[in-house]
Protein backbone atom coordinates (compact mmCIF):
# COMPACT_ATOMS: atom_id res chain seq x y z
CA MET A 1 135.00 133.16 140.22
CA LYS A 2 137.37 130.71 138.52
CA ILE A 3 135.74 127.84 136.64
CA LEU A 4 137.41 124.74 135.21
CA LEU A 5 135.71 123.78 131.95
CA SER A 6 136.16 120.54 130.04
CA GLY A 7 135.09 120.21 126.42
CA GLY A 8 135.75 123.85 125.57
CA GLN A 9 136.75 122.91 122.03
CA GLY A 10 133.44 121.16 121.46
CA PHE A 11 130.08 122.44 120.30
CA LEU A 12 128.35 122.80 123.68
CA GLY A 13 131.47 123.44 125.74
CA GLY A 14 132.62 126.12 123.32
CA ARG A 15 129.37 128.04 123.72
CA VAL A 16 129.46 127.62 127.50
CA LEU A 17 132.99 129.05 127.46
CA GLU A 18 131.94 132.07 125.39
CA MET A 19 128.96 132.83 127.62
CA LEU A 20 131.01 132.49 130.80
CA LEU A 21 133.61 134.92 129.45
CA GLU A 22 130.87 137.34 128.37
CA LYS A 23 129.66 137.37 131.97
CA GLY A 24 133.16 138.15 133.23
CA TYR A 25 134.03 134.81 134.83
CA GLY A 26 137.53 133.38 134.74
CA VAL A 27 137.64 130.20 132.68
CA ARG A 28 140.38 127.57 132.76
CA ALA A 29 139.77 125.31 129.76
CA VAL A 30 141.31 121.86 130.03
CA CYS A 31 142.13 120.53 126.55
CA ARG A 32 143.96 117.55 125.10
CA ARG A 33 145.35 119.53 122.16
CA PRO A 34 146.51 123.13 121.66
CA ALA A 35 143.65 125.63 121.71
CA PRO A 36 144.89 129.05 120.61
CA GLU A 37 141.34 129.91 119.54
CA LEU A 38 140.21 129.66 123.17
CA GLU A 39 143.13 131.74 124.40
CA LEU A 40 142.18 134.47 121.91
CA LYS A 41 138.73 134.55 123.46
CA GLY A 42 140.25 135.11 126.90
CA ALA A 43 140.34 131.64 128.45
CA GLU A 44 143.28 130.16 130.32
CA VAL A 45 144.12 126.98 128.42
CA VAL A 46 145.76 124.03 130.19
CA ARG A 47 146.73 120.74 128.55
CA ALA A 48 145.70 117.49 130.20
CA ASP A 49 144.25 114.12 129.29
CA LEU A 50 141.17 113.52 131.43
CA ARG A 51 142.11 109.83 131.56
CA ASN A 52 145.24 110.76 133.56
CA LEU A 53 144.26 111.40 137.18
CA ALA A 54 147.58 113.00 138.15
CA ALA A 55 147.37 115.47 135.28
CA VAL A 56 143.74 116.29 136.05
CA ARG A 57 144.51 116.87 139.73
CA GLU A 58 147.20 119.37 138.75
CA VAL A 59 144.96 121.47 136.51
CA SER A 60 142.05 121.35 138.99
CA LYS A 61 143.87 123.24 141.72
CA GLY A 62 142.57 126.64 142.70
CA VAL A 63 139.19 126.63 140.94
CA ASP A 64 135.85 127.39 142.55
CA GLY A 65 133.87 124.94 140.48
CA VAL A 66 133.80 122.68 137.44
CA ILE A 67 131.59 122.46 134.35
CA HIS A 68 132.19 119.11 132.70
CA CYS A 69 131.04 119.11 129.06
CA ALA A 70 133.62 116.80 127.49
CA ALA A 71 132.20 113.51 126.25
CA GLN A 72 132.22 111.05 123.41
CA SER A 73 128.87 110.93 121.67
CA GLY A 74 127.63 108.50 119.06
CA VAL A 75 125.34 105.54 118.49
CA TRP A 76 127.85 102.84 117.59
CA GLY A 77 131.02 101.38 119.04
CA PRO A 78 132.27 99.13 121.84
CA LEU A 79 131.02 99.72 125.36
CA HIS A 80 134.51 99.95 126.85
CA ARG A 81 135.36 102.93 124.63
CA TYR A 82 132.34 104.88 125.84
CA LEU A 83 132.92 103.94 129.47
CA GLN A 84 136.51 105.14 129.26
CA ALA A 85 135.58 108.40 127.53
CA ASN A 86 132.43 109.26 129.51
CA TYR A 87 132.63 107.45 132.83
CA ALA A 88 136.31 107.01 133.71
CA THR A 89 137.12 110.61 132.81
CA THR A 90 134.23 111.80 134.97
CA VAL A 91 135.59 109.75 137.88
CA ASN A 92 138.95 111.48 137.52
CA LEU A 93 137.60 115.00 137.14
CA LEU A 94 135.14 114.59 139.99
CA MET A 95 137.84 113.25 142.31
CA ALA A 96 140.33 115.92 141.28
CA ALA A 97 137.80 118.70 141.78
CA ARG A 98 136.88 117.43 145.23
CA LEU A 99 140.50 117.05 146.35
CA GLY A 100 141.51 120.36 144.75
CA GLY A 101 139.06 122.38 146.81
CA ALA A 102 136.32 123.07 144.26
CA ARG A 103 132.92 123.67 145.85
CA TRP A 104 130.60 122.59 143.04
CA PHE A 105 130.40 120.45 139.89
CA VAL A 106 128.01 120.79 136.93
CA HIS A 107 127.90 117.74 134.67
CA THR A 108 126.57 117.52 131.11
CA SER A 109 124.37 114.46 130.98
CA SER A 110 121.74 113.35 128.47
CA PRO A 111 118.02 112.49 128.47
CA SER A 112 119.08 109.21 126.89
CA VAL A 113 120.01 107.97 130.38
CA THR A 114 116.28 107.15 130.62
CA HIS A 115 115.99 105.59 127.14
CA THR A 116 114.63 102.04 127.28
CA GLY A 117 112.89 101.87 123.91
CA ALA A 118 109.61 102.91 125.56
CA PRO A 119 107.85 106.25 124.85
CA LEU A 120 109.12 109.24 126.81
CA ASP A 121 105.95 111.28 126.48
CA GLY A 122 106.17 114.34 128.70
CA GLU A 123 108.29 112.57 131.33
CA ASP A 124 109.91 114.32 134.28
CA GLU A 125 113.06 113.65 136.28
CA SER A 126 111.38 110.90 138.31
CA THR A 127 111.71 108.64 135.24
CA PRO A 128 114.03 105.75 136.21
CA TYR A 129 117.39 105.13 134.62
CA ALA A 130 117.82 102.70 131.75
CA MET A 131 120.24 100.03 132.94
CA SER A 132 120.79 98.13 129.68
CA VAL A 133 124.25 98.02 128.12
CA ALA A 134 122.69 97.53 124.66
CA ASN A 135 123.20 101.23 123.90
CA PRO A 136 126.77 102.08 124.98
CA TYR A 137 126.51 105.88 124.89
CA PRO A 138 123.38 106.20 127.10
CA TYR A 139 124.74 103.56 129.47
CA SER A 140 128.06 105.36 129.89
CA LYS A 141 126.27 108.68 130.50
CA MET A 142 123.95 107.02 133.00
CA MET A 143 126.91 105.64 134.94
CA ALA A 144 128.59 109.05 134.94
CA GLU A 145 125.44 110.90 136.02
CA LYS A 146 124.75 108.51 138.88
CA LEU A 147 128.31 108.97 140.10
CA VAL A 148 128.15 112.75 139.94
CA LEU A 149 124.81 113.03 141.75
CA SER A 150 125.87 110.55 144.43
CA ALA A 151 128.90 112.75 145.17
CA ASP A 152 126.72 115.66 146.30
CA GLU A 153 127.56 116.80 149.82
CA PRO A 154 126.99 120.04 151.76
CA ASP A 155 130.50 121.29 150.98
CA PHE A 156 130.63 119.93 147.41
CA ARG A 157 127.43 120.35 145.41
CA THR A 158 126.71 118.56 142.16
CA VAL A 159 124.11 118.91 139.39
CA ALA A 160 123.47 117.09 136.10
CA ILE A 161 122.08 118.93 133.07
CA ARG A 162 120.27 116.84 130.42
CA PRO A 163 119.89 118.87 127.19
CA HIS A 164 118.01 117.04 124.45
CA LEU A 165 119.18 117.04 120.82
CA ILE A 166 121.33 120.19 120.74
CA TRP A 167 121.37 122.06 117.43
CA GLY A 168 122.40 125.42 116.00
CA PRO A 169 125.14 127.18 114.03
CA GLY A 170 128.49 125.46 114.41
CA ASP A 171 127.02 122.01 115.09
CA PRO A 172 129.71 119.54 113.95
CA HIS A 173 127.60 116.39 114.23
CA PHE A 174 123.81 116.27 113.85
CA LEU A 175 123.11 118.98 111.27
CA PRO A 176 126.06 118.30 108.95
CA ARG A 177 125.05 114.64 108.71
CA LEU A 178 121.45 115.54 107.92
CA VAL A 179 122.57 118.04 105.29
CA ALA A 180 125.06 115.65 103.71
CA ARG A 181 122.46 112.90 103.38
CA ALA A 182 119.87 115.29 102.01
CA ARG A 183 122.33 116.61 99.40
CA ALA A 184 123.17 113.04 98.41
CA ARG A 185 119.42 112.26 98.20
CA LYS A 186 119.86 109.51 100.78
CA LEU A 187 117.83 110.96 103.65
CA TRP A 188 114.98 108.63 104.54
CA LEU A 189 112.98 109.14 107.73
CA PRO A 190 110.59 106.98 109.71
CA ARG A 191 106.97 108.10 109.41
CA SER A 192 105.71 108.95 112.88
CA THR A 193 103.46 111.39 114.70
CA ALA A 194 105.49 111.07 117.93
CA LEU A 195 106.63 114.37 119.39
CA VAL A 196 110.31 115.20 119.87
CA ASP A 197 111.78 118.27 121.58
CA ALA A 198 115.21 119.73 120.85
CA THR A 199 117.48 122.39 122.37
CA TYR A 200 119.05 125.38 120.67
CA ILE A 201 122.73 125.62 121.56
CA ASP A 202 122.47 128.90 123.52
CA ASN A 203 119.66 127.50 125.67
CA ALA A 204 121.67 124.37 126.47
CA ALA A 205 124.67 126.48 127.48
CA LEU A 206 122.48 128.82 129.54
CA ALA A 207 121.17 125.93 131.64
CA HIS A 208 124.72 124.99 132.64
CA ILE A 209 125.54 128.55 133.64
CA LEU A 210 122.33 128.96 135.65
CA ALA A 211 123.16 125.79 137.57
CA ALA A 212 126.74 126.92 138.19
CA GLU A 213 125.66 130.37 139.37
CA LYS A 214 123.07 128.94 141.74
CA LEU A 215 125.54 126.49 143.24
CA ALA A 216 128.20 129.19 143.56
CA ALA A 217 125.71 131.46 145.33
CA GLY A 218 124.98 128.80 147.94
CA GLY A 219 121.86 127.32 146.39
CA GLY A 220 123.09 123.77 146.64
CA THR A 221 120.54 122.83 149.29
CA ALA A 222 117.79 123.39 146.72
CA ILE A 223 119.39 121.86 143.62
CA GLY A 224 122.35 119.76 144.77
CA GLY A 225 122.24 116.11 143.75
CA ARG A 226 119.52 116.72 141.15
CA ALA A 227 119.21 116.27 137.39
CA TYR A 228 117.38 118.59 134.99
CA PHE A 229 115.84 117.96 131.58
CA ILE A 230 116.53 120.86 129.21
CA ALA A 231 114.85 121.56 125.86
CA GLN A 232 113.01 124.24 123.90
CA GLY A 233 109.61 123.40 125.31
CA GLU A 234 108.35 123.38 121.70
CA PRO A 235 107.93 119.69 120.76
CA LEU A 236 107.37 118.78 117.09
CA THR A 237 107.24 115.53 115.20
CA ALA A 238 110.69 114.38 114.08
CA SER A 239 109.78 114.98 110.44
CA GLU A 240 108.55 118.52 111.19
CA LEU A 241 111.72 119.30 113.14
CA ILE A 242 114.04 117.93 110.47
CA THR A 243 112.12 119.64 107.65
CA LYS A 244 112.51 122.99 109.42
CA LEU A 245 116.21 122.41 110.04
CA LEU A 246 116.81 121.43 106.41
CA ALA A 247 114.98 124.53 105.18
CA ALA A 248 117.15 126.76 107.37
CA ALA A 249 120.33 124.92 106.33
CA SER A 250 119.65 125.17 102.59
CA ARG A 251 121.98 127.38 100.62
CA LYS A 252 120.67 130.07 98.31
CA GLY A 253 118.90 128.41 95.41
CA GLU A 254 118.99 125.02 97.16
CA ARG A 255 116.08 123.08 98.59
CA LEU A 256 117.19 120.31 100.92
CA LYS A 257 114.49 117.76 101.61
CA VAL A 258 113.76 114.26 102.81
CA ARG A 259 113.74 111.73 99.99
CA GLY A 260 111.02 109.57 101.50
CA TYR A 261 109.46 108.03 104.57
CA LEU A 262 109.44 104.50 105.95
CA PRO A 263 106.90 102.91 108.32
CA ALA A 264 108.01 103.24 111.92
CA TRP A 265 107.99 99.46 112.51
CA LEU A 266 110.13 98.92 109.45
CA SER A 267 112.64 101.53 110.62
CA ARG A 268 113.06 99.84 113.99
CA ALA A 269 113.30 96.39 112.44
CA GLY A 270 115.78 97.68 109.88
CA GLY A 271 117.92 99.24 112.58
CA ALA A 272 118.04 95.96 114.48
CA ALA A 273 118.94 94.03 111.30
CA LEU A 274 121.71 96.44 110.37
CA GLU A 275 123.16 96.26 113.87
CA ALA A 276 123.22 92.47 113.63
CA VAL A 277 125.02 92.60 110.28
CA TRP A 278 127.55 95.21 111.42
CA GLY A 279 128.15 93.36 114.68
CA GLY A 280 128.49 89.99 112.97
CA LEU A 281 131.02 91.35 110.50
CA MET A 282 132.73 93.41 113.25
CA LEU A 283 132.55 96.53 111.12
CA LYS A 284 133.87 99.65 112.85
CA ASN A 285 132.01 102.28 110.84
CA GLU A 286 128.52 103.26 111.98
CA PRO A 287 125.52 101.49 110.36
CA PRO A 288 123.18 103.66 108.25
CA LEU A 289 120.52 103.13 110.93
CA THR A 290 120.47 101.70 114.46
CA ARG A 291 117.66 100.70 116.79
CA PHE A 292 118.51 103.60 119.09
CA VAL A 293 118.20 106.19 116.29
CA ALA A 294 115.01 104.58 114.95
CA GLU A 295 113.47 104.63 118.43
CA GLU A 296 114.53 108.26 118.96
CA LEU A 297 112.75 109.22 115.72
CA THR A 298 109.61 107.11 116.06
CA LEU A 299 108.80 107.27 119.78
CA PRO A 300 107.87 110.36 121.84
CA HIS A 301 110.93 112.08 123.27
CA TRP A 302 109.84 115.26 125.01
CA PHE A 303 110.10 116.17 128.66
CA LYS A 304 108.48 118.35 131.28
CA LEU A 305 110.72 121.29 132.11
CA ASP A 306 108.98 122.32 135.33
CA ARG A 307 111.91 121.47 137.58
CA ALA A 308 114.37 123.46 135.48
CA TRP A 309 111.98 126.40 135.29
CA SER A 310 111.21 126.50 139.02
CA GLU A 311 114.60 125.52 140.49
CA LEU A 312 117.15 126.85 137.99
CA GLY A 313 115.12 129.72 136.60
CA TYR A 314 115.61 128.20 133.14
CA VAL A 315 113.51 129.83 130.43
CA PRO A 316 114.65 129.29 126.82
CA GLN A 317 116.11 132.60 125.63
CA VAL A 318 116.12 131.62 121.94
CA SER A 319 112.87 130.33 120.45
CA MET A 320 112.74 127.72 117.71
CA GLU A 321 111.82 130.44 115.21
CA GLU A 322 114.72 132.67 116.25
CA GLY A 323 117.13 129.74 116.30
CA LEU A 324 116.15 128.79 112.76
CA ARG A 325 116.68 132.39 111.65
CA ARG A 326 120.16 132.40 113.19
CA LEU A 327 120.95 129.09 111.52
CA GLN A 328 119.83 130.42 108.15
CA GLU A 329 121.98 133.51 108.65
CA ALA A 330 125.02 131.38 109.51
CA VAL A 331 124.50 129.26 106.39
CA ALA A 332 124.26 132.41 104.25
CA LEU A 333 127.67 133.41 105.64
CA GLY A 334 129.21 130.10 104.59
CA GLY A 335 128.35 127.70 107.41
CA PHE A 336 127.69 124.00 106.80
């Protein structure tokens, strides 16, 4: 089986690529820049800009299916930038895959497509989409997911995977920022008892592969056109989760910790105020806190995994405890 993979140089896409190769699948990784590291692992690397439909059509020829992990994440920036990076590129790749003869398409989405600022307390996939453009990243991912799922047909099956808060060794975004703020003694957290679930990197990658394998084996009737929440199934409060991550990410002789805690209401109000200031001054760098981040940390964000368990056969292979041990081992070897 030949699979076209986008985002192979990223955190999630890179692990998906490694696991596909370990299982013996052929992987064609579409990249914007040279990727000798992926070629060394055994992938076929092709250069293309996902914003260029002609280029994407060329590299999509002759593959059985597509796993689309490439995306722009973040909590700040103009809507048009996120729509171009996350929606327009998905339009191109989806169209190219369909015209090129691919039979299935697995899309990396996000639970944030349902984020409205209300609690997500054990929600399932029947939770409606959030339609507000106030948060550009979730809106762009929502638009892309709706497109992908609407493209499902008997001869071209599509699935959306929604992993929540991916973490683990090699994380270039979430963990390094936490660690940097903790080392600078600038890490303040909202005080909240709301539960949040996260996803170890290997589990997030596994969910994509399970979906691809089921679609490739003809299971599209059961899962085609559907979205799946993915997480550990071990929800903790945000402060508990972050404390555990900081402990695992601490170097020998170092004790990373949160400097202090703020009331949840103050965190949300502060995020809104900072957004107003940054927007008014048209500052391009990200504010220290946004409403979206404050809501993610102070409201419940955990999801029922029943659909993924029963339809994909998804069972987390790496527990929170084992993931923390692996993170600690990576840090001991010089990570972060």
